[in-house]
Amino acid sequence: IAGAVAREAEHIARAIDTIAERLSRGGRL
């Protein structure tokens, strides 16, 4: 399983950036 998740690392990182940006502007997850 960990390998399958690791292969999505770049997409996960982009999602983290998006979530942090939205929450910092007062949005919700």
PDB file of all heavy atoms in Angstrom:
ATOM      1  N   ILE A   1       0.817  -1.221   0.000  1.00  0.00           N
ATOM      2  CA  ILE A   1       0.000   0.000   0.000  1.00  0.00           C
ATOM      3  C   ILE A   1       0.847   1.265   0.000  1.00  0.00           C
ATOM      4  O   ILE A   1       0.565   2.222  -0.725  1.00  0.00           O
ATOM      5  CB  ILE A   1      -0.964   0.000   1.206  1.00  0.00           C
ATOM      6  CG1 ILE A   1      -1.901  -1.204   1.121  1.00  0.00           C
ATOM      7  CG2 ILE A   1      -1.760   1.304   1.265  1.00  0.00           C
ATOM      8  CD1 ILE A   1      -2.749  -1.409   2.362  1.00  0.00           C
ATOM      9  N   ALA A   2       1.902   1.286   0.818  1.00  0.00           N
ATOM     10  CA  ALA A   2       2.734   2.486   0.911  1.00  0.00           C
ATOM     11  C   ALA A   2       3.319   2.859  -0.446  1.00  0.00           C
ATOM     12  O   ALA A   2       3.440   4.048  -0.786  1.00  0.00           O
ATOM     13  CB  ALA A   2       3.847   2.295   1.936  1.00  0.00           C
ATOM     14  N   GLY A   3       3.683   1.864  -1.237  1.00  0.00           N
ATOM     15  CA  GLY A   3       4.217   2.143  -2.565  1.00  0.00           C
ATOM     16  C   GLY A   3       3.185   2.775  -3.471  1.00  0.00           C
ATOM     17  O   GLY A   3       3.502   3.691  -4.258  1.00  0.00           O
ATOM     18  N   ALA A   4       1.946   2.289  -3.386  1.00  0.00           N
ATOM     19  CA  ALA A   4       0.872   2.867  -4.203  1.00  0.00           C
ATOM     20  C   ALA A   4       0.632   4.325  -3.830  1.00  0.00           C
ATOM     21  O   ALA A   4       0.413   5.180  -4.701  1.00  0.00           O
ATOM     22  CB  ALA A   4      -0.411   2.047  -4.022  1.00  0.00           C
ATOM     23  N   VAL A   5       0.691   4.619  -2.541  1.00  0.00           N
ATOM     24  CA  VAL A   5       0.523   6.003  -2.087  1.00  0.00           C
ATOM     25  C   VAL A   5       1.710   6.857  -2.522  1.00  0.00           C
ATOM     26  O   VAL A   5       1.545   7.996  -2.976  1.00  0.00           O
ATOM     27  CB  VAL A   5       0.346   6.054  -0.551  1.00  0.00           C
ATOM     28  CG1 VAL A   5       0.351   7.500  -0.049  1.00  0.00           C
ATOM     29  CG2 VAL A   5      -0.961   5.363  -0.147  1.00  0.00           C
ATOM     30  N   ALA A   6       2.921   6.304  -2.419  1.00  0.00           N
ATOM     31  CA  ALA A   6       4.128   7.054  -2.798  1.00  0.00           C
ATOM     32  C   ALA A   6       4.085   7.483  -4.261  1.00  0.00           C
ATOM     33  O   ALA A   6       4.572   8.568  -4.611  1.00  0.00           O
ATOM     34  CB  ALA A   6       5.372   6.210  -2.538  1.00  0.00           C
ATOM     35  N   ARG A   7       3.498   6.648  -5.103  1.00  0.00           N
ATOM     36  CA  ARG A   7       3.423   7.000  -6.526  1.00  0.00           C
ATOM     37  C   ARG A   7       2.522   8.198  -6.777  1.00  0.00           C
ATOM     38  O   ARG A   7       2.568   8.799  -7.858  1.00  0.00           O
ATOM     39  CB  ARG A   7       2.963   5.783  -7.336  1.00  0.00           C
ATOM     40  CG  ARG A   7       4.035   4.692  -7.440  1.00  0.00           C
ATOM     41  CD  ARG A   7       3.643   3.601  -8.414  1.00  0.00           C
ATOM     42  NE  ARG A   7       2.610   2.710  -7.890  1.00  0.00           N
ATOM     43  CZ  ARG A   7       2.850   1.649  -7.118  1.00  0.00           C
ATOM     44  NH1 ARG A   7       4.083   1.345  -6.748  1.00  0.00           N
ATOM     45  NH2 ARG A   7       1.848   0.885  -6.701  1.00  0.00           N
ATOM     46  N   GLU A   8       1.715   8.566  -5.805  1.00  0.00           N
ATOM     47  CA  GLU A   8       0.834   9.735  -5.927  1.00  0.00           C
ATOM     48  C   GLU A   8       1.378  10.947  -5.178  1.00  0.00           C
ATOM     49  O   GLU A   8       0.652  11.918  -4.945  1.00  0.00           O
ATOM     50  CB  GLU A   8      -0.555   9.380  -5.395  1.00  0.00           C
ATOM     51  CG  GLU A   8      -1.309   8.388  -6.254  1.00  0.00           C
ATOM     52  CD  GLU A   8      -1.585   8.938  -7.641  1.00  0.00           C
ATOM     53  OE1 GLU A   8      -2.270   9.957  -7.743  1.00  0.00           O
ATOM     54  OE2 GLU A   8      -1.092   8.347  -8.625  1.00  0.00           O
ATOM     55  N   ALA A   9       2.656  10.917  -4.814  1.00  0.00           N
ATOM     56  CA  ALA A   9       3.242  11.959  -3.962  1.00  0.00           C
ATOM     57  C   ALA A   9       3.052  13.371  -4.523  1.00  0.00           C
ATOM     58  O   ALA A   9       2.696  14.303  -3.787  1.00  0.00           O
ATOM     59  CB  ALA A   9       4.727  11.676  -3.739  1.00  0.00           C
ATOM     60  N   GLU A  10       3.297  13.557  -5.816  1.00  0.00           N
ATOM     61  CA  GLU A  10       3.179  14.903  -6.388  1.00  0.00           C
ATOM     62  C   GLU A  10       1.746  15.409  -6.331  1.00  0.00           C
ATOM     63  O   GLU A  10       1.505  16.594  -6.030  1.00  0.00           O
ATOM     64  CB  GLU A  10       3.690  14.909  -7.827  1.00  0.00           C
ATOM     65  CG  GLU A  10       5.189  14.709  -7.943  1.00  0.00           C
ATOM     66  CD  GLU A  10       5.695  14.914  -9.356  1.00  0.00           C
ATOM     67  OE1 GLU A  10       4.917  15.378 -10.211  1.00  0.00           O
ATOM     68  OE2 GLU A  10       6.880  14.607  -9.596  1.00  0.00           O
ATOM     69  N   HIS A  11       0.790  14.547  -6.604  1.00  0.00           N
ATOM     70  CA  HIS A  11      -0.611  14.958  -6.531  1.00  0.00           C
ATOM     71  C   HIS A  11      -1.015  15.272  -5.089  1.00  0.00           C
ATOM     72  O   HIS A  11      -1.766  16.224  -4.843  1.00  0.00           O
ATOM     73  CB  HIS A  11      -1.514  13.856  -7.093  1.00  0.00           C
ATOM     74  CG  HIS A  11      -1.331  13.635  -8.558  1.00  0.00           C
ATOM     75  ND1 HIS A  11      -1.652  12.460  -9.194  1.00  0.00           N
ATOM     76  CD2 HIS A  11      -0.852  14.457  -9.542  1.00  0.00           C
ATOM     77  CE1 HIS A  11      -1.401  12.558 -10.478  1.00  0.00           C
ATOM     78  NE2 HIS A  11      -0.907  13.763 -10.713  1.00  0.00           N
ATOM     79  N   ILE A  12      -0.523  14.472  -4.156  1.00  0.00           N
ATOM     80  CA  ILE A  12      -0.836  14.719  -2.745  1.00  0.00           C
ATOM     81  C   ILE A  12      -0.252  16.061  -2.307  1.00  0.00           C
ATOM     82  O   ILE A  12      -0.906  16.843  -1.608  1.00  0.00           O
ATOM     83  CB  ILE A  12      -0.305  13.571  -1.860  1.00  0.00           C
ATOM     84  CG1 ILE A  12      -1.022  12.255  -2.210  1.00  0.00           C
ATOM     85  CG2 ILE A  12      -0.509  13.890  -0.379  1.00  0.00           C
ATOM     86  CD1 ILE A  12      -0.400  11.019  -1.585  1.00  0.00           C
ATOM     87  N   ALA A  13       0.977  16.343  -2.726  1.00  0.00           N
ATOM     88  CA  ALA A  13       1.610  17.613  -2.371  1.00  0.00           C
ATOM     89  C   ALA A  13       0.833  18.800  -2.942  1.00  0.00           C
ATOM     90  O   ALA A  13       0.647  19.826  -2.254  1.00  0.00           O
ATOM     91  CB  ALA A  13       3.053  17.636  -2.876  1.00  0.00           C
ATOM     92  N   ARG A  14       0.371  18.675  -4.183  1.00  0.00           N
ATOM     93  CA  ARG A  14      -0.436  19.754  -4.770  1.00  0.00           C
ATOM     94  C   ARG A  14      -1.729  19.941  -3.985  1.00  0.00           C
ATOM     95  O   ARG A  14      -2.184  21.078  -3.758  1.00  0.00           O
ATOM     96  CB  ARG A  14      -0.749  19.437  -6.233  1.00  0.00           C
ATOM     97  CG  ARG A  14       0.434  19.626  -7.177  1.00  0.00           C
ATOM     98  CD  ARG A  14       0.110  19.125  -8.574  1.00  0.00           C
ATOM     99  NE  ARG A  14      -1.105  19.733  -9.115  1.00  0.00           N
ATOM    100  CZ  ARG A  14      -1.768  19.263 -10.160  1.00  0.00           C
ATOM    101  NH1 ARG A  14      -1.343  18.163 -10.775  1.00  0.00           N
ATOM    102  NH2 ARG A  14      -2.855  19.884 -10.584  1.00  0.00           N
ATOM    103  N   ALA A  15      -2.321  18.857  -3.540  1.00  0.00           N
ATOM    104  CA  ALA A  15      -3.547  18.944  -2.749  1.00  0.00           C
ATOM    105  C   ALA A  15      -3.276  19.633  -1.420  1.00  0.00           C
ATOM    106  O   ALA A  15      -4.078  20.460  -0.952  1.00  0.00           O
ATOM    107  CB  ALA A  15      -4.120  17.544  -2.517  1.00  0.00           C
ATOM    108  N   ILE A  16      -2.153  19.326  -0.793  1.00  0.00           N
ATOM    109  CA  ILE A  16      -1.790  19.963   0.474  1.00  0.00           C
ATOM    110  C   ILE A  16      -1.653  21.468   0.289  1.00  0.00           C
ATOM    111  O   ILE A  16      -2.160  22.261   1.095  1.00  0.00           O
ATOM    112  CB  ILE A  16      -0.484  19.355   1.024  1.00  0.00           C
ATOM    113  CG1 ILE A  16      -0.737  17.932   1.538  1.00  0.00           C
ATOM    114  CG2 ILE A  16       0.101  20.225   2.141  1.00  0.00           C
ATOM    115  CD1 ILE A  16       0.530  17.170   1.896  1.00  0.00           C
ATOM    116  N   ASP A  17      -0.965  21.874  -0.771  1.00  0.00           N
ATOM    117  CA  ASP A  17      -0.809  23.306  -1.041  1.00  0.00           C
ATOM    118  C   ASP A  17      -2.171  23.979  -1.229  1.00  0.00           C
ATOM    119  O   ASP A  17      -2.417  25.075  -0.716  1.00  0.00           O
ATOM    120  CB  ASP A  17       0.040  23.521  -2.297  1.00  0.00           C
ATOM    121  CG  ASP A  17       1.526  23.314  -2.055  1.00  0.00           C
ATOM    122  OD1 ASP A  17       1.975  23.510  -0.907  1.00  0.00           O
ATOM    123  OD2 ASP A  17       2.235  22.961  -3.016  1.00  0.00           O
ATOM    124  N   THR A  18      -3.056  23.320  -1.963  1.00  0.00           N
ATOM    125  CA  THR A  18      -4.387  23.877  -2.204  1.00  0.00           C
ATOM    126  C   THR A  18      -5.165  24.016  -0.901  1.00  0.00           C
ATOM    127  O   THR A  18      -5.788  25.052  -0.633  1.00  0.00           O
ATOM    128  CB  THR A  18      -5.178  22.980  -3.176  1.00  0.00           C
ATOM    129  OG1 THR A  18      -4.512  22.962  -4.437  1.00  0.00           O
ATOM    130  CG2 THR A  18      -6.606  23.487  -3.364  1.00  0.00           C
ATOM    131  N   ILE A  19      -5.140  22.974  -0.084  1.00  0.00           N
ATOM    132  CA  ILE A  19      -5.883  22.995   1.178  1.00  0.00           C
ATOM    133  C   ILE A  19      -5.338  24.081   2.103  1.00  0.00           C
ATOM    134  O   ILE A  19      -6.102  24.857   2.694  1.00  0.00           O
ATOM    135  CB  ILE A  19      -5.823  21.614   1.850  1.00  0.00           C
ATOM    136  CG1 ILE A  19      -6.608  20.594   1.021  1.00  0.00           C
ATOM    137  CG2 ILE A  19      -6.379  21.674   3.271  1.00  0.00           C
ATOM    138  CD1 ILE A  19      -6.370  19.151   1.421  1.00  0.00           C
ATOM    139  N   ALA A  20      -4.017  24.165   2.236  1.00  0.00           N
ATOM    140  CA  ALA A  20      -3.419  25.171   3.119  1.00  0.00           C
ATOM    141  C   ALA A  20      -3.778  26.580   2.662  1.00  0.00           C
ATOM    142  O   ALA A  20      -4.100  27.452   3.479  1.00  0.00           O
ATOM    143  CB  ALA A  20      -1.904  24.992   3.157  1.00  0.00           C
ATOM    144  N   GLU A  21      -3.734  26.796   1.351  1.00  0.00           N
ATOM    145  CA  GLU A  21      -4.054  28.122   0.810  1.00  0.00           C
ATOM    146  C   GLU A  21      -5.507  28.485   1.083  1.00  0.00           C
ATOM    147  O   GLU A  21      -5.815  29.609   1.506  1.00  0.00           O
ATOM    148  CB  GLU A  21      -3.758  28.126  -0.686  1.00  0.00           C
ATOM    149  CG  GLU A  21      -3.851  29.499  -1.346  1.00  0.00           C
ATOM    150  CD  GLU A  21      -5.242  29.793  -1.875  1.00  0.00           C
ATOM    151  OE1 GLU A  21      -5.976  28.836  -2.187  1.00  0.00           O
ATOM    152  OE2 GLU A  21      -5.601  30.984  -1.961  1.00  0.00           O
ATOM    153  N   ARG A  22      -6.418  27.541   0.878  1.00  0.00           N
ATOM    154  CA  ARG A  22      -7.840  27.814   1.098  1.00  0.00           C
ATOM    155  C   ARG A  22      -8.137  28.042   2.578  1.00  0.00           C
ATOM    156  O   ARG A  22      -8.878  28.967   2.942  1.00  0.00           O
ATOM    157  CB  ARG A  22      -8.688  26.659   0.564  1.00  0.00           C
ATOM    158  CG  ARG A  22      -8.629  26.496  -0.959  1.00  0.00           C
ATOM    159  CD  ARG A  22      -9.379  27.619  -1.659  1.00  0.00           C
ATOM    160  NE  ARG A  22      -9.231  27.576  -3.110  1.00  0.00           N
ATOM    161  CZ  ARG A  22     -10.255  27.630  -3.951  1.00  0.00           C
ATOM    162  NH1 ARG A  22     -11.489  27.699  -3.506  1.00  0.00           N
ATOM    163  NH2 ARG A  22     -10.028  27.625  -5.256  1.00  0.00           N
ATOM    164  N   LEU A  23      -7.582  27.211   3.445  1.00  0.00           N
ATOM    165  CA  LEU A  23      -7.823  27.377   4.878  1.00  0.00           C
ATOM    166  C   LEU A  23      -7.245  28.696   5.388  1.00  0.00           C
ATOM    167  O   LEU A  23      -7.840  29.362   6.230  1.00  0.00           O
ATOM    168  CB  LEU A  23      -7.220  26.207   5.660  1.00  0.00           C
ATOM    169  CG  LEU A  23      -7.847  24.827   5.444  1.00  0.00           C
ATOM    170  CD1 LEU A  23      -7.152  23.789   6.315  1.00  0.00           C
ATOM    171  CD2 LEU A  23      -9.341  24.832   5.745  1.00  0.00           C
ATOM    172  N   SER A  24      -6.089  29.082   4.867  1.00  0.00           N
ATOM    173  CA  SER A  24      -5.450  30.333   5.297  1.00  0.00           C
ATOM    174  C   SER A  24      -6.281  31.552   4.905  1.00  0.00           C
ATOM    175  O   SER A  24      -6.175  32.607   5.539  1.00  0.00           O
ATOM    176  CB  SER A  24      -4.052  30.445   4.676  1.00  0.00           C
ATOM    177  OG  SER A  24      -3.210  29.418   5.158  1.00  0.00           O
ATOM    178  N   ARG A  25      -7.107  31.401   3.867  1.00  0.00           N
ATOM    179  CA  ARG A  25      -7.966  32.514   3.417  1.00  0.00           C
ATOM    180  C   ARG A  25      -9.359  32.455   4.046  1.00  0.00           C
ATOM    181  O   ARG A  25     -10.263  33.166   3.627  1.00  0.00           O
ATOM    182  CB  ARG A  25      -8.096  32.493   1.900  1.00  0.00           C
ATOM    183  CG  ARG A  25      -6.834  32.892   1.176  1.00  0.00           C
ATOM    184  CD  ARG A  25      -7.089  33.309  -0.265  1.00  0.00           C
ATOM    185  NE  ARG A  25      -7.459  32.200  -1.129  1.00  0.00           N
ATOM    186  CZ  ARG A  25      -8.618  32.119  -1.782  1.00  0.00           C
ATOM    187  NH1 ARG A  25      -9.538  33.056  -1.649  1.00  0.00           N
ATOM    188  NH2 ARG A  25      -8.864  31.082  -2.565  1.00  0.00           N
ATOM    189  N   GLY A  26      -9.517  31.597   5.054  1.00  0.00           N
ATOM    190  CA  GLY A  26     -10.799  31.525   5.739  1.00  0.00           C
ATOM    191  C   GLY A  26     -11.746  30.491   5.197  1.00  0.00           C
ATOM    192  O   GLY A  26     -12.914  30.433   5.601  1.00  0.00           O
ATOM    193  N   GLY A  27     -11.276  29.669   4.257  1.00  0.00           N
ATOM    194  CA  GLY A  27     -12.117  28.618   3.709  1.00  0.00           C
ATOM    195  C   GLY A  27     -12.148  27.389   4.597  1.00  0.00           C
ATOM    196  O   GLY A  27     -11.518  27.335   5.654  1.00  0.00           O
ATOM    197  N   ARG A  28     -12.877  26.375   4.131  1.00  0.00           N
ATOM    198  CA  ARG A  28     -13.020  25.139   4.882  1.00  0.00           C
ATOM    199  C   ARG A  28     -12.581  23.954   4.032  1.00  0.00           C
ATOM    200  O   ARG A  28     -12.633  24.008   2.806  1.00  0.00           O
ATOM    201  CB  ARG A  28     -14.484  24.939   5.300  1.00  0.00           C
ATOM    202  CG  ARG A  28     -15.035  26.017   6.217  1.00  0.00           C
ATOM    203  CD  ARG A  28     -16.547  25.905   6.334  1.00  0.00           C
ATOM    204  NE  ARG A  28     -17.197  26.190   5.061  1.00  0.00           N
ATOM    205  CZ  ARG A  28     -18.504  26.066   4.837  1.00  0.00           C
ATOM    206  NH1 ARG A  28     -19.308  25.649   5.811  1.00  0.00           N
ATOM    207  NH2 ARG A  28     -19.022  26.362   3.665  1.00  0.00           N
ATOM    208  N   LEU A  29     -12.172  22.909   4.708  1.00  0.00           N
ATOM    209  CA  LEU A  29     -11.891  21.632   4.055  1.00  0.00           C
ATOM    210  C   LEU A  29     -13.084  20.724   4.323  1.00  0.00           C
ATOM    211  O   LEU A  29     -13.449  20.489   5.480  1.00  0.00           O
ATOM    212  CB  LEU A  29     -10.616  21.018   4.630  1.00  0.00           C
ATOM    213  CG  LEU A  29     -10.327  19.550   4.280  1.00  0.00           C
ATOM    214  CD1 LEU A  29     -10.225  19.358   2.773  1.00  0.00           C
ATOM    215  CD2 LEU A  29      -9.056  19.082   4.977  1.00  0.00           C
TER     216      LEU A  29
END
